[in-house]
């Protein structure tokens, strides 16, 4: 993939999940931060070699105890409207402003060959999703680009179930390291990612142009 397409894809995904940060700050605060100091995102990683059989068993038991019994599937074009609904519905109950995404935005992300979307179905209803990506010359890095869960399934273990599904997806494709990033003030997501064994390795500050698809 050439640099311009890669840049667009990263901006599209980053812009998509910028809405999530508005749960923790107002839209005005986010805009001011982008234009002045920038938004700091903690870079986190989990080398596959550190996923020991013992640790993996602990996580799997945590998932097995989950009463939601979610079924995971890889999204197709027919699922894109469901992904749009999952994203937008996740934040309709928030008191802070957010910009709903469109089918076209999700479609552009979906169509990149190295990007996959997994959906979790709970009690016959789609309850959450995760966007996965691959980076590196040999696609050796598995990127968890973002994860969303419907409000009624939050804090009930569905995020861990989806995280484990992402883990399995990447392992089967021989990645050497799992990576993701989390906004510095998003303590809920940070603690969840830490609970899966990820560690910090860098901090990147993004400005407004890093989210703007037209720049």
N, C-alpha and C. Protein backbone atom coordinates (compact mmCIF):
# COMPACT_ATOMS: atom_id res chain seq x y z
N UNK A 1 0.85 -1.20 0.00
CA UNK A 1 0.00 0.00 0.00
C UNK A 1 0.88 1.25 0.00
N UNK A 2 0.58 2.23 -0.89
CA UNK A 2 1.43 3.41 -0.93
C UNK A 2 1.16 4.31 0.27
N UNK A 3 2.06 5.28 0.49
CA UNK A 3 2.04 6.09 1.70
C UNK A 3 0.76 6.91 1.83
N UNK A 4 0.26 7.45 0.69
CA UNK A 4 -0.94 8.28 0.76
C UNK A 4 -2.16 7.48 1.18
N UNK A 5 -2.29 6.26 0.68
CA UNK A 5 -3.41 5.42 1.06
C UNK A 5 -3.29 4.98 2.51
N UNK A 6 -2.06 4.67 2.93
CA UNK A 6 -1.83 4.26 4.32
C UNK A 6 -2.18 5.39 5.26
N UNK A 7 -1.77 6.62 4.89
CA UNK A 7 -2.06 7.79 5.71
C UNK A 7 -3.57 8.02 5.82
N UNK A 8 -4.28 7.89 4.69
CA UNK A 8 -5.72 8.09 4.70
C UNK A 8 -6.40 7.07 5.59
N UNK A 9 -5.97 5.82 5.49
CA UNK A 9 -6.57 4.76 6.30
C UNK A 9 -6.39 5.04 7.78
N UNK A 10 -5.18 5.41 8.17
CA UNK A 10 -4.91 5.70 9.58
C UNK A 10 -5.75 6.87 10.08
N UNK A 11 -5.86 7.91 9.24
CA UNK A 11 -6.67 9.07 9.63
C UNK A 11 -8.14 8.69 9.75
N UNK A 12 -8.61 7.85 8.83
CA UNK A 12 -10.01 7.45 8.85
C UNK A 12 -10.34 6.69 10.13
N UNK A 13 -9.49 5.76 10.50
CA UNK A 13 -9.71 4.99 11.73
C UNK A 13 -9.57 5.88 12.95
N UNK A 14 -8.54 6.74 12.95
CA UNK A 14 -8.30 7.62 14.09
C UNK A 14 -9.47 8.59 14.26
N UNK A 15 -9.98 9.13 13.15
CA UNK A 15 -11.10 10.05 13.20
C UNK A 15 -12.36 9.35 13.70
N UNK A 16 -12.52 8.10 13.30
CA UNK A 16 -13.67 7.32 13.73
C UNK A 16 -13.72 7.20 15.25
N UNK A 17 -12.58 6.89 15.85
CA UNK A 17 -12.55 6.66 17.28
C UNK A 17 -12.27 7.92 18.09
N UNK A 18 -12.07 9.05 17.41
CA UNK A 18 -11.98 10.32 18.13
C UNK A 18 -13.30 10.60 18.85
N UNK A 19 -14.40 10.12 18.29
CA UNK A 19 -15.69 10.30 18.93
C UNK A 19 -15.71 9.72 20.34
N UNK A 20 -14.97 8.63 20.54
CA UNK A 20 -14.98 7.98 21.84
C UNK A 20 -14.36 8.86 22.91
N UNK A 21 -13.38 9.68 22.53
CA UNK A 21 -12.73 10.53 23.53
C UNK A 21 -13.68 11.61 24.03
N UNK A 22 -14.72 11.89 23.26
CA UNK A 22 -15.67 12.93 23.66
C UNK A 22 -16.56 12.48 24.81
N UNK A 23 -16.41 11.24 25.22
CA UNK A 23 -17.11 10.78 26.42
C UNK A 23 -16.42 11.31 27.66
N UNK A 24 -15.15 11.67 27.51
CA UNK A 24 -14.35 12.08 28.66
C UNK A 24 -14.10 13.59 28.69
N UNK A 25 -14.27 14.25 27.54
CA UNK A 25 -14.12 15.70 27.46
C UNK A 25 -15.17 16.25 26.53
N UNK A 26 -15.47 17.54 26.66
CA UNK A 26 -16.44 18.14 25.76
C UNK A 26 -15.83 18.33 24.38
N UNK A 27 -16.70 18.54 23.40
CA UNK A 27 -16.22 18.75 22.03
C UNK A 27 -15.32 19.98 21.96
N UNK A 28 -15.67 21.03 22.71
CA UNK A 28 -14.86 22.25 22.71
C UNK A 28 -13.47 21.99 23.30
N UNK A 29 -13.42 21.20 24.36
CA UNK A 29 -12.13 20.88 24.99
C UNK A 29 -11.25 20.07 24.05
N UNK A 30 -11.87 19.12 23.34
CA UNK A 30 -11.12 18.30 22.39
C UNK A 30 -10.57 19.17 21.26
N UNK A 31 -11.40 20.05 20.71
CA UNK A 31 -10.97 20.92 19.61
C UNK A 31 -9.83 21.84 20.04
N UNK A 32 -9.93 22.39 21.25
CA UNK A 32 -8.88 23.27 21.75
C UNK A 32 -7.59 22.51 21.93
N UNK A 33 -7.70 21.29 22.46
CA UNK A 33 -6.52 20.46 22.67
C UNK A 33 -5.84 20.12 21.35
N UNK A 34 -6.64 19.81 20.33
CA UNK A 34 -6.09 19.48 19.02
C UNK A 34 -5.34 20.66 18.41
N UNK A 35 -5.88 21.86 18.59
CA UNK A 35 -5.30 23.05 17.97
C UNK A 35 -4.10 23.60 18.75
N UNK A 36 -3.97 23.27 20.01
CA UNK A 36 -2.88 23.82 20.83
C UNK A 36 -1.82 22.77 21.13
N UNK A 37 -2.01 22.05 22.20
CA UNK A 37 -0.99 21.07 22.63
C UNK A 37 -1.03 19.79 21.82
N UNK A 38 -2.18 19.49 21.20
CA UNK A 38 -2.34 18.21 20.52
C UNK A 38 -2.85 17.16 21.50
N UNK A 39 -3.31 16.04 20.97
CA UNK A 39 -3.83 14.95 21.80
C UNK A 39 -2.79 13.85 21.91
N UNK A 40 -2.44 13.52 23.13
CA UNK A 40 -1.40 12.51 23.37
C UNK A 40 -2.03 11.13 23.46
N UNK A 41 -1.51 10.20 22.68
CA UNK A 41 -1.97 8.82 22.69
C UNK A 41 -0.84 7.89 23.15
N UNK A 42 -1.13 7.09 24.15
CA UNK A 42 -0.16 6.13 24.66
C UNK A 42 -0.09 4.94 23.72
N UNK A 43 1.11 4.61 23.26
CA UNK A 43 1.32 3.46 22.39
C UNK A 43 1.57 2.23 23.27
N UNK A 44 0.85 1.15 23.00
CA UNK A 44 0.97 -0.05 23.83
C UNK A 44 1.21 -1.28 22.95
N UNK A 45 1.93 -2.24 23.50
CA UNK A 45 2.25 -3.43 22.71
C UNK A 45 2.28 -4.67 23.59
N UNK A 46 2.09 -5.80 22.93
CA UNK A 46 2.17 -7.10 23.59
C UNK A 46 2.86 -8.07 22.65
N UNK A 47 4.17 -8.33 22.85
CA UNK A 47 4.88 -9.30 22.02
C UNK A 47 4.24 -10.68 22.16
N UNK A 48 4.05 -11.37 21.04
CA UNK A 48 3.42 -12.69 21.07
C UNK A 48 4.21 -13.65 21.94
N UNK A 49 5.54 -13.47 22.00
CA UNK A 49 6.37 -14.37 22.81
C UNK A 49 6.05 -14.27 24.30
N UNK A 50 5.41 -13.17 24.70
CA UNK A 50 5.04 -13.01 26.11
C UNK A 50 3.67 -13.62 26.43
N UNK A 51 2.99 -14.06 25.38
CA UNK A 51 1.69 -14.70 25.60
C UNK A 51 1.96 -16.17 25.90
N UNK A 52 2.33 -16.44 27.13
CA UNK A 52 2.65 -17.81 27.54
C UNK A 52 1.37 -18.64 27.63
N UNK A 53 1.54 -19.96 27.64
CA UNK A 53 0.39 -20.84 27.75
C UNK A 53 -0.36 -20.59 29.06
N UNK A 54 0.41 -20.30 30.12
CA UNK A 54 -0.20 -20.07 31.43
C UNK A 54 -1.06 -18.79 31.41
N UNK A 55 -0.49 -17.73 30.84
CA UNK A 55 -1.23 -16.47 30.81
C UNK A 55 -2.44 -16.57 29.90
N UNK A 56 -2.26 -17.23 28.78
CA UNK A 56 -3.37 -17.39 27.84
C UNK A 56 -4.51 -18.19 28.48
N UNK A 57 -4.16 -19.16 29.30
CA UNK A 57 -5.17 -19.97 29.98
C UNK A 57 -5.98 -19.12 30.96
N UNK A 58 -5.30 -18.19 31.64
CA UNK A 58 -5.98 -17.29 32.57
C UNK A 58 -7.02 -16.43 31.83
N UNK A 59 -6.60 -15.87 30.69
CA UNK A 59 -7.52 -15.03 29.91
C UNK A 59 -8.67 -15.86 29.35
N UNK A 60 -8.35 -17.07 28.87
CA UNK A 60 -9.39 -17.92 28.29
C UNK A 60 -10.43 -18.31 29.35
N UNK A 61 -9.98 -18.58 30.56
CA UNK A 61 -10.92 -18.92 31.63
C UNK A 61 -11.81 -17.73 31.96
N UNK A 62 -11.22 -16.53 31.88
CA UNK A 62 -12.00 -15.32 32.12
C UNK A 62 -13.10 -15.19 31.07
N UNK A 63 -12.75 -15.52 29.82
CA UNK A 63 -13.72 -15.45 28.73
C UNK A 63 -14.77 -16.55 28.87
N UNK A 64 -14.32 -17.76 29.23
CA UNK A 64 -15.24 -18.89 29.35
C UNK A 64 -16.28 -18.67 30.44
N UNK A 65 -15.93 -17.91 31.46
CA UNK A 65 -16.86 -17.62 32.55
C UNK A 65 -17.87 -16.54 32.18
N UNK A 66 -17.63 -15.88 31.06
CA UNK A 66 -18.51 -14.80 30.65
C UNK A 66 -19.89 -15.34 30.28
N UNK A 67 -20.91 -14.80 30.90
CA UNK A 67 -22.27 -15.31 30.71
C UNK A 67 -22.90 -14.86 29.39
N UNK A 68 -22.25 -13.93 28.69
CA UNK A 68 -22.84 -13.40 27.47
C UNK A 68 -22.79 -14.39 26.31
N UNK A 69 -21.83 -15.32 26.33
CA UNK A 69 -21.72 -16.33 25.29
C UNK A 69 -21.74 -15.72 23.89
N UNK A 70 -20.87 -14.77 23.68
CA UNK A 70 -20.83 -14.08 22.39
C UNK A 70 -20.27 -14.97 21.29
N UNK A 71 -20.79 -14.80 20.09
CA UNK A 71 -20.29 -15.48 18.91
C UNK A 71 -19.61 -14.44 18.03
N UNK A 72 -18.38 -14.74 17.62
CA UNK A 72 -17.58 -13.79 16.84
C UNK A 72 -17.60 -14.18 15.36
N UNK A 73 -17.76 -13.19 14.50
CA UNK A 73 -17.67 -13.44 13.06
C UNK A 73 -16.90 -12.32 12.40
N UNK A 74 -16.32 -12.61 11.24
CA UNK A 74 -15.63 -11.58 10.46
C UNK A 74 -16.67 -10.86 9.61
N UNK A 75 -16.66 -9.54 9.66
CA UNK A 75 -17.67 -8.75 8.96
C UNK A 75 -17.54 -8.87 7.45
N UNK A 76 -18.68 -8.84 6.79
CA UNK A 76 -18.77 -8.77 5.34
C UNK A 76 -19.39 -7.42 4.98
N UNK A 77 -19.53 -7.15 3.69
CA UNK A 77 -20.14 -5.90 3.26
C UNK A 77 -21.56 -5.77 3.80
N UNK A 78 -22.22 -6.91 3.94
CA UNK A 78 -23.60 -6.89 4.44
C UNK A 78 -23.67 -6.48 5.90
N UNK A 79 -22.54 -6.51 6.62
CA UNK A 79 -22.51 -6.18 8.04
C UNK A 79 -22.18 -4.71 8.32
N UNK A 80 -21.85 -3.95 7.30
CA UNK A 80 -21.36 -2.59 7.52
C UNK A 80 -22.39 -1.68 8.19
N UNK A 81 -23.65 -1.84 7.84
CA UNK A 81 -24.69 -1.04 8.50
C UNK A 81 -24.76 -1.37 9.99
N UNK A 82 -24.50 -2.63 10.32
CA UNK A 82 -24.50 -3.03 11.72
C UNK A 82 -23.34 -2.38 12.46
N UNK A 83 -22.18 -2.28 11.81
CA UNK A 83 -21.02 -1.63 12.43
C UNK A 83 -21.31 -0.15 12.66
N UNK A 84 -21.95 0.49 11.69
CA UNK A 84 -22.33 1.89 11.83
C UNK A 84 -23.27 2.04 13.03
N UNK A 85 -24.25 1.16 13.13
CA UNK A 85 -25.20 1.22 14.25
C UNK A 85 -24.48 1.00 15.58
N UNK A 86 -23.59 0.01 15.64
CA UNK A 86 -22.87 -0.27 16.88
C UNK A 86 -22.07 0.94 17.34
N UNK A 87 -21.37 1.57 16.40
CA UNK A 87 -20.58 2.75 16.75
C UNK A 87 -21.48 3.87 17.25
N UNK A 88 -22.49 4.21 16.46
CA UNK A 88 -23.33 5.36 16.80
C UNK A 88 -24.18 5.12 18.05
N UNK A 89 -24.68 3.91 18.20
CA UNK A 89 -25.52 3.59 19.36
C UNK A 89 -24.70 3.58 20.65
N UNK A 90 -23.43 3.25 20.54
CA UNK A 90 -22.57 3.19 21.72
C UNK A 90 -22.50 4.54 22.43
N UNK A 91 -22.66 5.63 21.65
CA UNK A 91 -22.47 6.95 22.24
C UNK A 91 -23.71 7.83 22.25
N UNK A 92 -24.86 7.29 21.86
CA UNK A 92 -26.10 8.07 21.90
C UNK A 92 -26.51 8.40 23.33
N UNK A 93 -26.10 7.54 24.29
CA UNK A 93 -26.47 7.77 25.69
C UNK A 93 -25.51 8.71 26.39
N UNK A 94 -24.43 9.10 25.70
CA UNK A 94 -23.46 10.00 26.31
C UNK A 94 -24.02 11.42 26.34
N UNK A 95 -23.68 12.17 27.38
CA UNK A 95 -24.17 13.55 27.51
C UNK A 95 -23.33 14.52 26.71
N UNK A 96 -22.23 14.06 26.14
CA UNK A 96 -21.35 14.94 25.37
C UNK A 96 -21.63 14.78 23.87
N UNK A 97 -21.35 15.82 23.08
CA UNK A 97 -21.62 15.76 21.64
C UNK A 97 -20.74 14.72 20.95
N UNK A 98 -21.23 14.15 19.86
CA UNK A 98 -20.41 13.28 19.04
C UNK A 98 -20.91 13.35 17.61
N UNK A 99 -20.05 13.00 16.67
CA UNK A 99 -20.43 13.02 15.26
C UNK A 99 -20.67 11.59 14.79
N UNK A 100 -21.88 11.26 14.40
CA UNK A 100 -22.15 9.90 13.93
C UNK A 100 -21.38 9.61 12.65
N UNK A 101 -20.98 8.37 12.48
CA UNK A 101 -20.25 7.99 11.28
C UNK A 101 -21.23 7.55 10.19
N UNK A 102 -20.76 7.51 8.98
CA UNK A 102 -21.60 7.12 7.86
C UNK A 102 -21.20 5.74 7.34
N UNK A 103 -22.09 5.16 6.57
CA UNK A 103 -21.80 3.88 5.92
C UNK A 103 -20.57 4.02 5.02
N UNK A 104 -20.46 5.17 4.34
CA UNK A 104 -19.35 5.37 3.40
C UNK A 104 -17.99 5.36 4.11
N UNK A 105 -17.93 5.96 5.31
CA UNK A 105 -16.67 5.97 6.06
C UNK A 105 -16.25 4.56 6.44
N UNK A 106 -17.18 3.79 6.98
CA UNK A 106 -16.88 2.41 7.37
C UNK A 106 -16.52 1.58 6.13
N UNK A 107 -17.19 1.83 5.03
CA UNK A 107 -16.93 1.09 3.79
C UNK A 107 -15.49 1.32 3.33
N UNK A 108 -15.01 2.57 3.41
CA UNK A 108 -13.64 2.87 2.99
C UNK A 108 -12.62 2.13 3.86
N UNK A 109 -12.89 2.11 5.18
CA UNK A 109 -11.99 1.40 6.09
C UNK A 109 -12.03 -0.10 5.80
N UNK A 110 -13.22 -0.63 5.61
CA UNK A 110 -13.42 -2.06 5.36
C UNK A 110 -12.71 -2.52 4.09
N UNK A 111 -12.67 -1.66 3.07
CA UNK A 111 -12.14 -2.07 1.77
C UNK A 111 -10.62 -2.15 1.70
N UNK A 112 -9.91 -1.60 2.70
CA UNK A 112 -8.47 -1.76 2.69
C UNK A 112 -8.13 -3.22 2.94
N UNK A 113 -7.26 -3.82 2.10
CA UNK A 113 -7.01 -5.27 2.17
C UNK A 113 -6.43 -5.76 3.49
N UNK A 114 -5.71 -4.90 4.21
CA UNK A 114 -5.10 -5.34 5.47
C UNK A 114 -5.97 -5.05 6.69
N UNK A 115 -7.17 -4.57 6.45
CA UNK A 115 -8.07 -4.21 7.56
C UNK A 115 -9.22 -5.20 7.66
N UNK A 116 -9.48 -5.70 8.87
CA UNK A 116 -10.57 -6.63 9.10
C UNK A 116 -11.43 -6.11 10.27
N UNK A 117 -12.70 -6.41 10.21
CA UNK A 117 -13.62 -6.04 11.28
C UNK A 117 -14.27 -7.31 11.82
N UNK A 118 -14.19 -7.50 13.13
CA UNK A 118 -14.85 -8.62 13.78
C UNK A 118 -16.06 -8.10 14.55
N UNK A 119 -17.14 -8.87 14.54
CA UNK A 119 -18.37 -8.49 15.23
C UNK A 119 -18.74 -9.56 16.25
N UNK A 120 -19.17 -9.11 17.42
CA UNK A 120 -19.61 -10.03 18.47
C UNK A 120 -21.13 -10.01 18.56
N UNK A 121 -21.72 -11.20 18.45
CA UNK A 121 -23.17 -11.32 18.53
C UNK A 121 -23.55 -11.89 19.89
N UNK A 122 -24.46 -11.23 20.59
CA UNK A 122 -24.88 -11.64 21.94
C UNK A 122 -26.40 -11.76 21.99
N UNK A 123 -26.89 -12.94 22.40
CA UNK A 123 -28.34 -13.15 22.49
C UNK A 123 -29.04 -12.79 21.19
N UNK A 124 -28.41 -13.12 20.07
CA UNK A 124 -29.02 -12.88 18.77
C UNK A 124 -28.89 -11.46 18.25
N UNK A 125 -28.14 -10.61 18.98
CA UNK A 125 -27.97 -9.21 18.60
C UNK A 125 -26.50 -8.86 18.51
N UNK A 126 -26.12 -8.10 17.48
CA UNK A 126 -24.74 -7.62 17.40
C UNK A 126 -24.50 -6.64 18.55
N UNK A 127 -23.48 -6.95 19.38
CA UNK A 127 -23.26 -6.16 20.58
C UNK A 127 -21.95 -5.39 20.64
N UNK A 128 -21.02 -5.70 19.74
CA UNK A 128 -19.73 -5.01 19.76
C UNK A 128 -18.92 -5.34 18.53
N UNK A 129 -17.86 -4.58 18.31
CA UNK A 129 -17.01 -4.80 17.15
C UNK A 129 -15.58 -4.37 17.46
N UNK A 130 -14.66 -4.84 16.63
CA UNK A 130 -13.27 -4.43 16.73
C UNK A 130 -12.71 -4.30 15.32
N UNK A 131 -11.90 -3.29 15.09
CA UNK A 131 -11.23 -3.09 13.80
C UNK A 131 -9.78 -3.49 13.95
N UNK A 132 -9.34 -4.42 13.10
CA UNK A 132 -7.98 -4.95 13.14
C UNK A 132 -7.22 -4.53 11.89
N UNK A 133 -5.91 -4.37 12.04
CA UNK A 133 -5.08 -3.96 10.91
C UNK A 133 -3.72 -4.63 11.03
N UNK A 134 -2.97 -4.62 9.95
CA UNK A 134 -1.62 -5.18 9.94
C UNK A 134 -0.65 -4.12 9.46
N UNK A 135 0.51 -4.04 10.11
CA UNK A 135 1.56 -3.12 9.70
C UNK A 135 2.91 -3.83 9.71
N UNK A 136 3.92 -3.15 9.14
CA UNK A 136 5.25 -3.73 9.03
C UNK A 136 5.49 -4.27 7.65
N UNK A 137 6.76 -4.38 7.27
CA UNK A 137 7.10 -4.86 5.93
C UNK A 137 6.55 -6.25 5.65
N UNK A 138 6.48 -7.07 6.69
CA UNK A 138 5.99 -8.43 6.54
C UNK A 138 4.68 -8.65 7.30
N UNK A 139 3.99 -7.55 7.55
CA UNK A 139 2.72 -7.59 8.31
C UNK A 139 2.93 -8.28 9.66
N UNK A 140 4.05 -7.98 10.29
CA UNK A 140 4.39 -8.63 11.55
C UNK A 140 3.75 -8.01 12.77
N UNK A 141 3.12 -6.83 12.58
CA UNK A 141 2.46 -6.17 13.70
C UNK A 141 0.95 -6.22 13.52
N UNK A 142 0.27 -6.74 14.51
CA UNK A 142 -1.19 -6.78 14.50
C UNK A 142 -1.71 -5.59 15.27
N UNK A 143 -2.49 -4.73 14.62
CA UNK A 143 -2.96 -3.49 15.23
C UNK A 143 -4.43 -3.60 15.61
N UNK A 144 -4.73 -3.38 16.88
CA UNK A 144 -6.12 -3.26 17.31
C UNK A 144 -6.46 -1.77 17.17
N UNK A 145 -7.09 -1.43 16.05
CA UNK A 145 -7.32 -0.02 15.71
C UNK A 145 -8.43 0.61 16.53
N UNK A 146 -9.35 -0.18 17.02
CA UNK A 146 -10.43 0.36 17.84
C UNK A 146 -11.46 -0.70 18.16
N UNK A 147 -12.15 -0.49 19.27
CA UNK A 147 -13.13 -1.47 19.75
C UNK A 147 -14.32 -0.73 20.34
N UNK A 148 -15.53 -1.19 20.03
CA UNK A 148 -16.73 -0.56 20.56
C UNK A 148 -17.73 -1.60 21.04
N UNK A 149 -18.46 -1.27 22.12
CA UNK A 149 -19.44 -2.17 22.72
C UNK A 149 -20.70 -1.38 23.05
N UNK A 150 -21.85 -1.95 22.76
CA UNK A 150 -23.12 -1.30 23.11
C UNK A 150 -23.21 -1.06 24.61
N UNK A 151 -23.85 0.04 25.02
CA UNK A 151 -23.91 0.39 26.44
C UNK A 151 -24.40 -0.74 27.35
N UNK A 152 -25.40 -1.50 26.92
CA UNK A 152 -25.96 -2.51 27.82
C UNK A 152 -25.04 -3.71 28.02
N UNK A 153 -23.99 -3.81 27.18
CA UNK A 153 -23.04 -4.91 27.33
C UNK A 153 -21.69 -4.45 27.89
N UNK A 154 -21.57 -3.15 28.16
CA UNK A 154 -20.32 -2.64 28.71
C UNK A 154 -20.16 -3.06 30.16
N UNK A 155 -18.89 -3.27 30.57
CA UNK A 155 -18.55 -3.69 31.93
C UNK A 155 -19.15 -5.05 32.29
N UNK A 156 -19.38 -5.87 31.26
CA UNK A 156 -19.89 -7.22 31.51
C UNK A 156 -18.97 -8.28 30.89
N UNK A 157 -17.80 -7.84 30.47
CA UNK A 157 -16.82 -8.79 29.95
C UNK A 157 -16.81 -8.96 28.44
N UNK A 158 -17.72 -8.28 27.74
CA UNK A 158 -17.74 -8.46 26.28
C UNK A 158 -16.48 -7.92 25.63
N UNK A 159 -15.94 -6.83 26.18
CA UNK A 159 -14.69 -6.29 25.63
C UNK A 159 -13.57 -7.31 25.70
N UNK A 160 -13.50 -8.06 26.80
CA UNK A 160 -12.46 -9.09 26.93
C UNK A 160 -12.67 -10.21 25.93
N UNK A 161 -13.93 -10.59 25.71
CA UNK A 161 -14.24 -11.62 24.72
C UNK A 161 -13.79 -11.18 23.33
N UNK A 162 -14.09 -9.93 22.98
CA UNK A 162 -13.69 -9.41 21.67
C UNK A 162 -12.17 -9.30 21.58
N UNK A 163 -11.53 -8.87 22.68
CA UNK A 163 -10.07 -8.77 22.69
C UNK A 163 -9.42 -10.12 22.48
N UNK A 164 -9.98 -11.15 23.07
CA UNK A 164 -9.44 -12.50 22.90
C UNK A 164 -9.62 -12.98 21.46
N UNK A 165 -10.74 -12.62 20.85
CA UNK A 165 -10.98 -12.99 19.45
C UNK A 165 -9.95 -12.32 18.54
N UNK A 166 -9.63 -11.06 18.84
CA UNK A 166 -8.60 -10.35 18.07
C UNK A 166 -7.25 -11.03 18.25
N UNK A 167 -6.95 -11.39 19.48
CA UNK A 167 -5.72 -12.09 19.82
C UNK A 167 -5.58 -13.37 18.98
N UNK A 168 -6.64 -14.18 18.96
CA UNK A 168 -6.63 -15.43 18.21
C UNK A 168 -6.47 -15.18 16.72
N UNK A 169 -7.13 -14.15 16.21
CA UNK A 169 -7.07 -13.83 14.79
C UNK A 169 -5.64 -13.52 14.38
N UNK A 170 -4.96 -12.70 15.17
CA UNK A 170 -3.59 -12.32 14.85
C UNK A 170 -2.61 -13.49 14.99
N UNK A 171 -2.79 -14.30 16.03
CA UNK A 171 -1.88 -15.43 16.24
C UNK A 171 -1.92 -16.40 15.07
N UNK A 172 -3.10 -16.64 14.54
CA UNK A 172 -3.24 -17.56 13.42
C UNK A 172 -2.55 -17.03 12.17
N UNK A 173 -2.30 -15.74 12.13
CA UNK A 173 -1.66 -15.13 10.97
C UNK A 173 -0.19 -14.80 11.22
N UNK A 174 0.34 -15.31 12.30
CA UNK A 174 1.78 -15.27 12.56
C UNK A 174 2.37 -13.93 12.90
N UNK A 175 1.59 -13.01 13.49
CA UNK A 175 2.18 -11.73 13.86
C UNK A 175 3.14 -11.90 15.03
N UNK A 176 4.12 -11.00 15.13
CA UNK A 176 5.11 -11.06 16.19
C UNK A 176 4.71 -10.21 17.40
N UNK A 177 3.86 -9.22 17.14
CA UNK A 177 3.53 -8.29 18.21
C UNK A 177 2.15 -7.68 17.98
N UNK A 178 1.37 -7.55 19.05
CA UNK A 178 0.09 -6.86 19.00
C UNK A 178 0.31 -5.43 19.47
N UNK A 179 -0.32 -4.48 18.79
CA UNK A 179 -0.17 -3.07 19.16
C UNK A 179 -1.51 -2.36 19.15
N UNK A 180 -1.58 -1.31 19.95
CA UNK A 180 -2.76 -0.44 19.95
C UNK A 180 -2.36 0.88 20.58
N UNK A 181 -3.25 1.84 20.54
CA UNK A 181 -2.98 3.12 21.18
C UNK A 181 -4.23 3.57 21.91
N UNK A 182 -4.04 4.34 22.98
CA UNK A 182 -5.17 4.79 23.79
C UNK A 182 -4.93 6.24 24.22
N UNK A 183 -5.97 7.04 24.13
CA UNK A 183 -5.89 8.44 24.54
C UNK A 183 -5.49 8.52 26.01
N UNK A 184 -4.58 9.43 26.32
CA UNK A 184 -3.98 9.48 27.66
C UNK A 184 -4.98 9.67 28.79
N UNK A 185 -6.11 10.31 28.52
CA UNK A 185 -7.11 10.55 29.57
C UNK A 185 -8.22 9.50 29.61
N UNK A 186 -8.13 8.51 28.72
CA UNK A 186 -9.14 7.46 28.67
C UNK A 186 -8.72 6.32 29.60
N UNK A 187 -8.91 6.52 30.89
CA UNK A 187 -8.44 5.55 31.88
C UNK A 187 -9.16 4.21 31.80
N UNK A 188 -10.43 4.23 31.40
CA UNK A 188 -11.18 2.98 31.30
C UNK A 188 -10.56 2.06 30.25
N UNK A 189 -10.32 2.62 29.05
CA UNK A 189 -9.71 1.82 27.99
C UNK A 189 -8.28 1.42 28.34
N UNK A 190 -7.54 2.36 28.94
CA UNK A 190 -6.16 2.07 29.31
C UNK A 190 -6.09 0.88 30.27
N UNK A 191 -6.92 0.90 31.30
CA UNK A 191 -6.90 -0.18 32.29
C UNK A 191 -7.34 -1.50 31.69
N UNK A 192 -8.30 -1.45 30.76
CA UNK A 192 -8.73 -2.67 30.09
C UNK A 192 -7.59 -3.27 29.27
N UNK A 193 -6.90 -2.42 28.50
CA UNK A 193 -5.79 -2.89 27.67
C UNK A 193 -4.66 -3.45 28.54
N UNK A 194 -4.38 -2.77 29.65
CA UNK A 194 -3.35 -3.25 30.58
C UNK A 194 -3.74 -4.63 31.13
N UNK A 195 -5.03 -4.84 31.37
CA UNK A 195 -5.48 -6.12 31.93
C UNK A 195 -5.25 -7.28 30.98
N UNK A 196 -5.09 -6.97 29.69
CA UNK A 196 -4.81 -8.00 28.70
C UNK A 196 -3.32 -8.25 28.53
N UNK A 197 -2.49 -7.52 29.29
CA UNK A 197 -1.05 -7.75 29.25
C UNK A 197 -0.25 -6.77 28.43
N UNK A 198 -0.90 -5.76 27.85
CA UNK A 198 -0.18 -4.77 27.05
C UNK A 198 0.64 -3.85 27.95
N UNK A 199 1.77 -3.38 27.39
CA UNK A 199 2.64 -2.46 28.11
C UNK A 199 2.90 -1.22 27.25
N UNK A 200 3.17 -0.10 27.91
CA UNK A 200 3.48 1.15 27.21
C UNK A 200 4.86 1.08 26.57
N UNK A 201 5.00 1.69 25.39
CA UNK A 201 6.33 1.79 24.80
C UNK A 201 6.60 3.16 24.16
N UNK A 202 5.58 4.01 24.03
CA UNK A 202 5.80 5.32 23.44
C UNK A 202 4.55 6.18 23.64
N UNK A 203 4.68 7.47 23.35
CA UNK A 203 3.55 8.39 23.35
C UNK A 203 3.64 9.22 22.07
N UNK A 204 2.54 9.31 21.34
CA UNK A 204 2.50 10.10 20.11
C UNK A 204 1.46 11.20 20.28
N UNK A 205 1.83 12.42 19.89
CA UNK A 205 0.92 13.55 19.98
C UNK A 205 0.38 13.86 18.59
N UNK A 206 -0.94 13.85 18.46
CA UNK A 206 -1.59 14.13 17.20
C UNK A 206 -2.21 15.52 17.21
N UNK A 207 -2.10 16.21 16.07
CA UNK A 207 -2.75 17.51 15.90
C UNK A 207 -3.97 17.35 14.99
N UNK A 208 -4.66 18.45 14.75
CA UNK A 208 -5.91 18.41 14.01
C UNK A 208 -5.74 17.76 12.62
N UNK A 209 -4.61 18.05 11.96
CA UNK A 209 -4.40 17.53 10.61
C UNK A 209 -4.27 16.01 10.57
N UNK A 210 -3.93 15.42 11.72
CA UNK A 210 -3.79 13.97 11.78
C UNK A 210 -5.14 13.25 11.81
N UNK A 211 -6.23 14.02 11.98
CA UNK A 211 -7.57 13.47 11.96
C UNK A 211 -8.35 13.91 10.74
N UNK A 212 -7.84 14.90 10.03
CA UNK A 212 -8.56 15.50 8.90
C UNK A 212 -8.32 14.71 7.64
N UNK A 213 -9.36 14.10 7.10
CA UNK A 213 -9.23 13.24 5.91
C UNK A 213 -8.91 14.02 4.65
N UNK A 214 -9.14 15.33 4.65
CA UNK A 214 -8.90 16.13 3.44
C UNK A 214 -7.49 16.69 3.40
N UNK A 215 -6.71 16.51 4.50
CA UNK A 215 -5.36 17.09 4.51
C UNK A 215 -4.32 16.07 4.14
